[in-house]
PDB file of all heavy atoms in Angstrom:
ATOM      1  N   GLY A   1     -88.303  30.157   7.769  1.00  0.00           N
ATOM      2  CA  GLY A   1     -89.721  29.904   8.062  1.00  0.00           C
ATOM      3  C   GLY A   1     -90.376  31.084   8.763  1.00  0.00           C
ATOM      4  O   GLY A   1     -91.478  31.503   8.407  1.00  0.00           O
ATOM      5  N   GLN A   2     -89.680  31.647   9.750  1.00  0.00           N
ATOM      6  CA  GLN A   2     -90.215  32.810  10.456  1.00  0.00           C
ATOM      7  C   GLN A   2     -90.364  34.001   9.517  1.00  0.00           C
ATOM      8  O   GLN A   2     -91.373  34.738   9.586  1.00  0.00           O
ATOM      9  CB  GLN A   2     -89.346  33.154  11.649  1.00  0.00           C
ATOM     10  CG  GLN A   2     -89.446  32.150  12.767  1.00  0.00           C
ATOM     11  CD  GLN A   2     -88.601  32.573  13.961  1.00  0.00           C
ATOM     12  OE1 GLN A   2     -88.221  33.716  14.125  1.00  0.00           O
ATOM     13  NE2 GLN A   2     -88.343  31.608  14.834  1.00  0.00           N
ATOM     14  N   LYS A   3     -89.397  34.203   8.644  1.00  0.00           N
ATOM     15  CA  LYS A   3     -89.462  35.347   7.733  1.00  0.00           C
ATOM     16  C   LYS A   3     -90.543  35.159   6.671  1.00  0.00           C
ATOM     17  O   LYS A   3     -91.133  36.117   6.214  1.00  0.00           O
ATOM     18  CB  LYS A   3     -88.094  35.580   7.086  1.00  0.00           C
ATOM     19  CG  LYS A   3     -87.100  36.182   8.086  1.00  0.00           C
ATOM     20  CD  LYS A   3     -85.741  36.394   7.477  1.00  0.00           C
ATOM     21  CE  LYS A   3     -84.826  37.064   8.490  1.00  0.00           C
ATOM     22  NZ  LYS A   3     -83.454  37.258   7.944  1.00  0.00           N
ATOM     23  N   CYS A   4     -90.815  33.885   6.299  1.00  0.00           N
ATOM     24  CA  CYS A   4     -91.933  33.611   5.387  1.00  0.00           C
ATOM     25  C   CYS A   4     -93.263  33.945   6.074  1.00  0.00           C
ATOM     26  O   CYS A   4     -94.149  34.536   5.428  1.00  0.00           O
ATOM     27  CB  CYS A   4     -91.916  32.153   4.943  1.00  0.00           C
ATOM     28  SG  CYS A   4     -90.642  31.780   3.730  1.00  0.00           S
ATOM     29  N   CYS A   5     -93.397  33.555   7.329  1.00  0.00           N
ATOM     30  CA  CYS A   5     -94.624  33.856   8.086  1.00  0.00           C
ATOM     31  C   CYS A   5     -94.800  35.369   8.217  1.00  0.00           C
ATOM     32  O   CYS A   5     -95.908  35.900   8.108  1.00  0.00           O
ATOM     33  CB  CYS A   5     -94.617  33.195   9.444  1.00  0.00           C
ATOM     34  SG  CYS A   5     -94.789  31.416   9.373  1.00  0.00           S
ATOM     35  N   THR A   6     -93.689  36.073   8.448  1.00  0.00           N
ATOM     36  CA  THR A   6     -93.756  37.531   8.551  1.00  0.00           C
ATOM     37  C   THR A   6     -94.136  38.143   7.204  1.00  0.00           C
ATOM     38  O   THR A   6     -94.927  39.085   7.164  1.00  0.00           O
ATOM     39  CB  THR A   6     -92.374  38.084   9.024  1.00  0.00           C
ATOM     40  OG1 THR A   6     -92.108  37.555  10.341  1.00  0.00           O
ATOM     41  CG2 THR A   6     -92.393  39.598   9.074  1.00  0.00           C
ATOM     42  N   PHE A   7     -93.603  37.577   6.102  1.00  0.00           N
ATOM     43  CA  PHE A   7     -93.993  38.050   4.775  1.00  0.00           C
ATOM     44  C   PHE A   7     -95.483  37.888   4.572  1.00  0.00           C
ATOM     45  O   PHE A   7     -96.149  38.811   4.077  1.00  0.00           O
ATOM     46  CB  PHE A   7     -93.206  37.302   3.702  1.00  0.00           C
ATOM     47  CG  PHE A   7     -93.647  37.555   2.312  1.00  0.00           C
ATOM     48  CD1 PHE A   7     -93.660  38.852   1.785  1.00  0.00           C
ATOM     49  CD2 PHE A   7     -94.065  36.534   1.476  1.00  0.00           C
ATOM     50  CE1 PHE A   7     -94.090  39.082   0.479  1.00  0.00           C
ATOM     51  CE2 PHE A   7     -94.479  36.755   0.189  1.00  0.00           C
ATOM     52  CZ  PHE A   7     -94.491  38.053  -0.334  1.00  0.00           C
ATOM     53  N   GLN A   8     -96.035  36.753   4.961  1.00  0.00           N
ATOM     54  CA  GLN A   8     -97.493  36.549   4.834  1.00  0.00           C
ATOM     55  C   GLN A   8     -98.260  37.619   5.625  1.00  0.00           C
ATOM     56  O   GLN A   8     -99.211  38.207   5.127  1.00  0.00           O
ATOM     57  CB  GLN A   8     -97.881  35.171   5.351  1.00  0.00           C
ATOM     58  CG  GLN A   8     -97.443  34.035   4.438  1.00  0.00           C
ATOM     59  CD  GLN A   8     -97.932  32.721   4.979  1.00  0.00           C
ATOM     60  OE1 GLN A   8     -97.497  32.242   6.037  1.00  0.00           O
ATOM     61  NE2 GLN A   8     -98.865  32.113   4.277  1.00  0.00           N
ATOM     62  N   HIS A   9     -97.812  37.857   6.880  1.00  0.00           N
ATOM     63  CA  HIS A   9     -98.466  38.850   7.727  1.00  0.00           C
ATOM     64  C   HIS A   9     -98.356  40.220   7.092  1.00  0.00           C
ATOM     65  O   HIS A   9     -99.329  40.997   7.052  1.00  0.00           O
ATOM     66  CB  HIS A   9     -97.803  38.809   9.117  1.00  0.00           C
ATOM     67  CG  HIS A   9     -98.477  39.657  10.147  1.00  0.00           C
ATOM     68  ND1 HIS A   9     -98.154  39.594  11.466  1.00  0.00           N
ATOM     69  CD2 HIS A   9     -99.453  40.598  10.058  1.00  0.00           C
ATOM     70  CE1 HIS A   9     -98.892  40.435  12.148  1.00  0.00           C
ATOM     71  NE2 HIS A   9     -99.684  41.076  11.313  1.00  0.00           N
ATOM     72  N   TRP A  10     -97.184  40.551   6.567  1.00  0.00           N
ATOM     73  CA  TRP A  10     -96.961  41.867   5.936  1.00  0.00           C
ATOM     74  C   TRP A  10     -97.903  42.059   4.748  1.00  0.00           C
ATOM     75  O   TRP A  10     -98.529  43.113   4.630  1.00  0.00           O
ATOM     76  CB  TRP A  10     -95.482  41.966   5.512  1.00  0.00           C
ATOM     77  CG  TRP A  10     -95.121  43.255   4.831  1.00  0.00           C
ATOM     78  CD1 TRP A  10     -94.721  44.416   5.413  1.00  0.00           C
ATOM     79  CD2 TRP A  10     -95.133  43.496   3.405  1.00  0.00           C
ATOM     80  NE1 TRP A  10     -94.482  45.369   4.466  1.00  0.00           N
ATOM     81  CE2 TRP A  10     -94.728  44.827   3.206  1.00  0.00           C
ATOM     82  CE3 TRP A  10     -95.446  42.710   2.301  1.00  0.00           C
ATOM     83  CZ2 TRP A  10     -94.634  45.402   1.950  1.00  0.00           C
ATOM     84  CZ3 TRP A  10     -95.357  43.297   1.039  1.00  0.00           C
ATOM     85  CH2 TRP A  10     -94.932  44.620   0.892  1.00  0.00           C
ATOM     86  N   VAL A  11     -98.016  41.064   3.864  1.00  0.00           N
ATOM     87  CA  VAL A  11     -98.900  41.164   2.695  1.00  0.00           C
ATOM     88  C   VAL A  11    -100.353  41.306   3.156  1.00  0.00           C
ATOM     89  O   VAL A  11    -101.082  42.135   2.662  1.00  0.00           O
ATOM     90  CB  VAL A  11     -98.755  39.940   1.760  1.00  0.00           C
ATOM     91  CG1 VAL A  11     -99.859  39.909   0.716  1.00  0.00           C
ATOM     92  CG2 VAL A  11     -97.389  39.944   1.089  1.00  0.00           C
ATOM     93  N   TYR A  12    -100.730  40.499   4.144  1.00  0.00           N
ATOM     94  CA  TYR A  12    -102.082  40.550   4.678  1.00  0.00           C
ATOM     95  C   TYR A  12    -102.411  41.946   5.173  1.00  0.00           C
ATOM     96  O   TYR A  12    -103.467  42.510   4.879  1.00  0.00           O
ATOM     97  CB  TYR A  12    -102.242  39.510   5.817  1.00  0.00           C
ATOM     98  CG  TYR A  12    -103.570  39.509   6.468  1.00  0.00           C
ATOM     99  CD1 TYR A  12    -104.639  38.799   5.953  1.00  0.00           C
ATOM    100  CD2 TYR A  12    -103.785  40.249   7.645  1.00  0.00           C
ATOM    101  CE1 TYR A  12    -105.878  38.808   6.574  1.00  0.00           C
ATOM    102  CE2 TYR A  12    -105.018  40.252   8.279  1.00  0.00           C
ATOM    103  CZ  TYR A  12    -106.053  39.541   7.740  1.00  0.00           C
ATOM    104  OH  TYR A  12    -107.298  39.558   8.347  1.00  0.00           O
ATOM    105  N   GLU A  13    -101.485  42.547   5.920  1.00  0.00           N
ATOM    106  CA  GLU A  13    -101.719  43.885   6.481  1.00  0.00           C
ATOM    107  C   GLU A  13    -101.681  44.946   5.382  1.00  0.00           C
ATOM    108  O   GLU A  13    -102.522  45.843   5.374  1.00  0.00           O
ATOM    109  CB  GLU A  13    -100.657  44.195   7.542  1.00  0.00           C
ATOM    110  CG  GLU A  13    -100.963  45.462   8.316  1.00  0.00           C
ATOM    111  CD  GLU A  13    -100.050  45.658   9.519  1.00  0.00           C
ATOM    112  OE1 GLU A  13    -100.106  44.806  10.452  1.00  0.00           O
ATOM    113  OE2 GLU A  13     -99.320  46.662   9.539  1.00  0.00           O
ATOM    114  N   LYS A  14    -100.766  44.867   4.430  1.00  0.00           N
ATOM    115  CA  LYS A  14    -100.641  45.843   3.359  1.00  0.00           C
ATOM    116  C   LYS A  14    -101.863  45.871   2.458  1.00  0.00           C
ATOM    117  O   LYS A  14    -102.186  46.890   1.855  1.00  0.00           O
ATOM    118  CB  LYS A  14     -99.407  45.599   2.497  1.00  0.00           C
ATOM    119  CG  LYS A  14     -98.096  45.913   3.198  1.00  0.00           C
ATOM    120  CD  LYS A  14     -97.955  47.388   3.463  1.00  0.00           C
ATOM    121  CE  LYS A  14     -96.651  47.700   4.158  1.00  0.00           C
ATOM    122  NZ  LYS A  14     -96.542  49.060   4.614  1.00  0.00           N
ATOM    123  N   THR A  15    -102.549  44.735   2.343  1.00  0.00           N
ATOM    124  CA  THR A  15    -103.743  44.641   1.473  1.00  0.00           C
ATOM    125  C   THR A  15    -105.022  44.709   2.299  1.00  0.00           C
ATOM    126  O   THR A  15    -106.079  44.335   1.819  1.00  0.00           O
ATOM    127  CB  THR A  15    -103.703  43.355   0.633  1.00  0.00           C
ATOM    128  OG1 THR A  15    -103.734  42.220   1.498  1.00  0.00           O
ATOM    129  CG2 THR A  15    -102.474  43.290  -0.263  1.00  0.00           C
ATOM    130  N   ASN A  16    -104.917  45.124   3.554  1.00  0.00           N
ATOM    131  CA  ASN A  16    -106.077  45.216   4.449  1.00  0.00           C
ATOM    132  C   ASN A  16    -106.832  43.913   4.582  1.00  0.00           C
ATOM    133  O   ASN A  16    -108.078  43.887   4.621  1.00  0.00           O
ATOM    134  CB  ASN A  16    -107.008  46.349   3.994  1.00  0.00           C
ATOM    135  CG  ASN A  16    -106.340  47.698   4.066  1.00  0.00           C
ATOM    136  OD1 ASN A  16    -105.695  48.031   5.047  1.00  0.00           O
ATOM    137  ND2 ASN A  16    -106.455  48.473   3.005  1.00  0.00           N
ATOM    138  N   GLY A  17    -106.094  42.799   4.577  1.00  0.00           N
ATOM    139  CA  GLY A  17    -106.726  41.475   4.744  1.00  0.00           C
ATOM    140  C   GLY A  17    -107.393  40.960   3.513  1.00  0.00           C
ATOM    141  O   GLY A  17    -108.114  39.970   3.565  1.00  0.00           O
ATOM    142  N   ASN A  18    -107.131  41.568   2.350  1.00  0.00           N
ATOM    143  CA  ASN A  18    -107.771  41.133   1.118  1.00  0.00           C
ATOM    144  C   ASN A  18    -106.973  40.111   0.312  1.00  0.00           C
ATOM    145  O   ASN A  18    -107.501  39.491  -0.588  1.00  0.00           O
ATOM    146  CB  ASN A  18    -108.008  42.340   0.214  1.00  0.00           C
ATOM    147  CG  ASN A  18    -109.096  43.239   0.743  1.00  0.00           C
ATOM    148  OD1 ASN A  18    -110.238  42.861   0.797  1.00  0.00           O
ATOM    149  ND2 ASN A  18    -108.725  44.428   1.204  1.00  0.00           N
ATOM    150  N   LEU A  19    -105.687  39.954   0.637  1.00  0.00           N
ATOM    151  CA  LEU A  19    -104.820  39.060  -0.135  1.00  0.00           C
ATOM    152  C   LEU A  19    -103.818  38.419   0.799  1.00  0.00           C
ATOM    153  O   LEU A  19    -103.335  39.046   1.736  1.00  0.00           O
ATOM    154  CB  LEU A  19    -104.119  39.892  -1.219  1.00  0.00           C
ATOM    155  CG  LEU A  19    -103.269  39.124  -2.236  1.00  0.00           C
ATOM    156  CD1 LEU A  19    -103.394  39.765  -3.600  1.00  0.00           C
ATOM    157  CD2 LEU A  19    -101.812  39.077  -1.826  1.00  0.00           C
ATOM    158  N   LEU A  20    -103.507  37.153   0.519  1.00  0.00           N
ATOM    159  CA  LEU A  20    -102.519  36.412   1.294  1.00  0.00           C
ATOM    160  C   LEU A  20    -101.694  35.577   0.361  1.00  0.00           C
ATOM    161  O   LEU A  20    -102.215  34.809  -0.444  1.00  0.00           O
ATOM    162  CB  LEU A  20    -103.213  35.517   2.321  1.00  0.00           C
ATOM    163  CG  LEU A  20    -102.299  34.663   3.182  1.00  0.00           C
ATOM    164  CD1 LEU A  20    -101.546  35.527   4.207  1.00  0.00           C
ATOM    165  CD2 LEU A  20    -103.090  33.568   3.909  1.00  0.00           C
ATOM    166  N   VAL A  21    -100.355  35.720   0.450  1.00  0.00           N
ATOM    167  CA  VAL A  21     -99.464  34.830  -0.293  1.00  0.00           C
ATOM    168  C   VAL A  21     -99.300  33.592   0.579  1.00  0.00           C
ATOM    169  O   VAL A  21     -98.990  33.705   1.763  1.00  0.00           O
ATOM    170  CB  VAL A  21     -98.095  35.497  -0.590  1.00  0.00           C
ATOM    171  CG1 VAL A  21     -97.189  34.533  -1.308  1.00  0.00           C
ATOM    172  CG2 VAL A  21     -98.294  36.752  -1.400  1.00  0.00           C
ATOM    173  N   THR A  22     -99.508  32.446   0.001  1.00  0.00           N
ATOM    174  CA  THR A  22     -99.493  31.202   0.782  1.00  0.00           C
ATOM    175  C   THR A  22     -98.747  30.106   0.042  1.00  0.00           C
ATOM    176  O   THR A  22     -98.252  30.327  -1.057  1.00  0.00           O
ATOM    177  CB  THR A  22    -100.937  30.797   1.159  1.00  0.00           C
ATOM    178  OG1 THR A  22    -100.890  29.728   2.076  1.00  0.00           O
ATOM    179  CG2 THR A  22    -101.749  30.439  -0.059  1.00  0.00           C
ATOM    180  N   ASP A  23     -98.690  28.960   0.617  1.00  0.00           N
ATOM    181  CA  ASP A  23     -97.979  27.808   0.041  1.00  0.00           C
ATOM    182  C   ASP A  23     -96.522  28.171  -0.218  1.00  0.00           C
ATOM    183  O   ASP A  23     -95.984  27.840  -1.274  1.00  0.00           O
ATOM    184  CB  ASP A  23     -98.679  27.361  -1.249  1.00  0.00           C
ATOM    185  CG  ASP A  23     -98.470  25.871  -1.517  1.00  0.00           C
ATOM    186  OD1 ASP A  23     -98.054  25.155  -0.606  1.00  0.00           O
ATOM    187  OD2 ASP A  23     -98.709  25.450  -2.662  1.00  0.00           O
ATOM    188  N   LEU A  24     -95.884  28.842   0.731  1.00  0.00           N
ATOM    189  CA  LEU A  24     -94.497  29.239   0.588  1.00  0.00           C
ATOM    190  C   LEU A  24     -93.601  28.041   0.766  1.00  0.00           C
ATOM    191  O   LEU A  24     -93.656  27.353   1.792  1.00  0.00           O
ATOM    192  CB  LEU A  24     -94.163  30.349   1.586  1.00  0.00           C
ATOM    193  CG  LEU A  24     -94.989  31.626   1.466  1.00  0.00           C
ATOM    194  CD1 LEU A  24     -94.653  32.598   2.583  1.00  0.00           C
ATOM    195  CD2 LEU A  24     -94.755  32.294   0.116  1.00  0.00           C
ATOM    196  N   GLN A  25     -92.745  27.804  -0.232  1.00  0.00           N
ATOM    197  CA  GLN A  25     -91.877  26.623  -0.196  1.00  0.00           C
ATOM    198  C   GLN A  25     -90.672  26.869  -1.058  1.00  0.00           C
ATOM    199  O   GLN A  25     -90.714  27.684  -1.990  1.00  0.00           O
ATOM    200  CB  GLN A  25     -92.637  25.404  -0.691  1.00  0.00           C
ATOM    201  CG  GLN A  25     -93.257  25.584  -2.066  1.00  0.00           C
ATOM    202  CD  GLN A  25     -94.268  24.525  -2.401  1.00  0.00           C
ATOM    203  OE1 GLN A  25     -94.079  23.354  -2.020  1.00  0.00           O
ATOM    204  NE2 GLN A  25     -95.318  24.866  -3.079  1.00  0.00           N
ATOM    205  N   GLY A  26     -89.577  26.200  -0.752  1.00  0.00           N
ATOM    206  CA  GLY A  26     -88.380  26.371  -1.542  1.00  0.00           C
ATOM    207  C   GLY A  26     -87.161  25.875  -0.826  1.00  0.00           C
ATOM    208  O   GLY A  26     -87.231  25.047   0.085  1.00  0.00           O
ATOM    209  N   VAL A  27     -86.010  26.407  -1.223  1.00  0.00           N
ATOM    210  CA  VAL A  27     -84.734  26.039  -0.655  1.00  0.00           C
ATOM    211  C   VAL A  27     -84.127  27.285   0.004  1.00  0.00           C
ATOM    212  O   VAL A  27     -83.892  28.291  -0.670  1.00  0.00           O
ATOM    213  CB  VAL A  27     -83.758  25.488  -1.721  1.00  0.00           C
ATOM    214  CG1 VAL A  27     -82.405  25.200  -1.119  1.00  0.00           C
ATOM    215  CG2 VAL A  27     -84.346  24.258  -2.357  1.00  0.00           C
ATOM    216  N   GLY A  28     -83.974  27.233   1.337  1.00  0.00           N
ATOM    217  CA  GLY A  28     -83.470  28.391   2.043  1.00  0.00           C
ATOM    218  C   GLY A  28     -84.412  29.566   1.854  1.00  0.00           C
ATOM    219  O   GLY A  28     -85.620  29.466   2.071  1.00  0.00           O
ATOM    220  N   MET A  29     -83.855  30.706   1.400  1.00  0.00           N
ATOM    221  CA  MET A  29     -84.652  31.917   1.210  1.00  0.00           C
ATOM    222  C   MET A  29     -85.196  32.055  -0.209  1.00  0.00           C
ATOM    223  O   MET A  29     -85.858  33.034  -0.520  1.00  0.00           O
ATOM    224  CB  MET A  29     -83.830  33.169   1.539  1.00  0.00           C
ATOM    225  CG  MET A  29     -83.408  33.243   2.981  1.00  0.00           C
ATOM    226  SD  MET A  29     -84.793  33.755   4.046  1.00  0.00           S
ATOM    227  CE  MET A  29     -83.941  33.950   5.583  1.00  0.00           C
ATOM    228  N   LYS A  30     -84.963  31.071  -1.079  1.00  0.00           N
ATOM    229  CA  LYS A  30     -85.488  31.108  -2.451  1.00  0.00           C
ATOM    230  C   LYS A  30     -86.760  30.287  -2.516  1.00  0.00           C
ATOM    231  O   LYS A  30     -86.749  29.070  -2.250  1.00  0.00           O
ATOM    232  CB  LYS A  30     -84.453  30.613  -3.439  1.00  0.00           C
ATOM    233  CG  LYS A  30     -83.274  31.574  -3.581  1.00  0.00           C
ATOM    234  CD  LYS A  30     -82.523  31.311  -4.847  1.00  0.00           C
ATOM    235  CE  LYS A  30     -81.531  32.429  -5.054  1.00  0.00           C
ATOM    236  NZ  LYS A  30     -81.073  32.488  -6.421  1.00  0.00           N
ATOM    237  N   LEU A  31     -87.848  30.924  -2.892  1.00  0.00           N
ATOM    238  CA  LEU A  31     -89.173  30.290  -2.868  1.00  0.00           C
ATOM    239  C   LEU A  31     -89.725  30.118  -4.292  1.00  0.00           C
ATOM    240  O   LEU A  31     -89.458  30.920  -5.178  1.00  0.00           O
ATOM    241  CB  LEU A  31     -90.148  31.139  -2.038  1.00  0.00           C
ATOM    242  CG  LEU A  31     -89.667  31.519  -0.633  1.00  0.00           C
ATOM    243  CD1 LEU A  31     -90.655  32.471   0.010  1.00  0.00           C
ATOM    244  CD2 LEU A  31     -89.430  30.290   0.211  1.00  0.00           C
ATOM    245  N   THR A  32     -90.564  29.096  -4.444  1.00  0.00           N
ATOM    246  CA  THR A  32     -91.216  28.836  -5.726  1.00  0.00           C
ATOM    247  C   THR A  32     -92.571  28.196  -5.517  1.00  0.00           C
ATOM    248  O   THR A  32     -92.912  27.759  -4.418  1.00  0.00           O
ATOM    249  CB  THR A  32     -90.354  27.918  -6.606  1.00  0.00           C
ATOM    250  OG1 THR A  32     -90.958  27.788  -7.885  1.00  0.00           O
ATOM    251  CG2 THR A  32     -90.154  26.544  -5.989  1.00  0.00           C
TER     252      THR A  32
END
């Protein structure tokens, strides 16, 4: 969960706040 939140923050920063990956869900570290 923490790494998913960090991934969201990373994408947000890399795209200068223009894009956010959200609705992260899955089993362990595998998301869909």
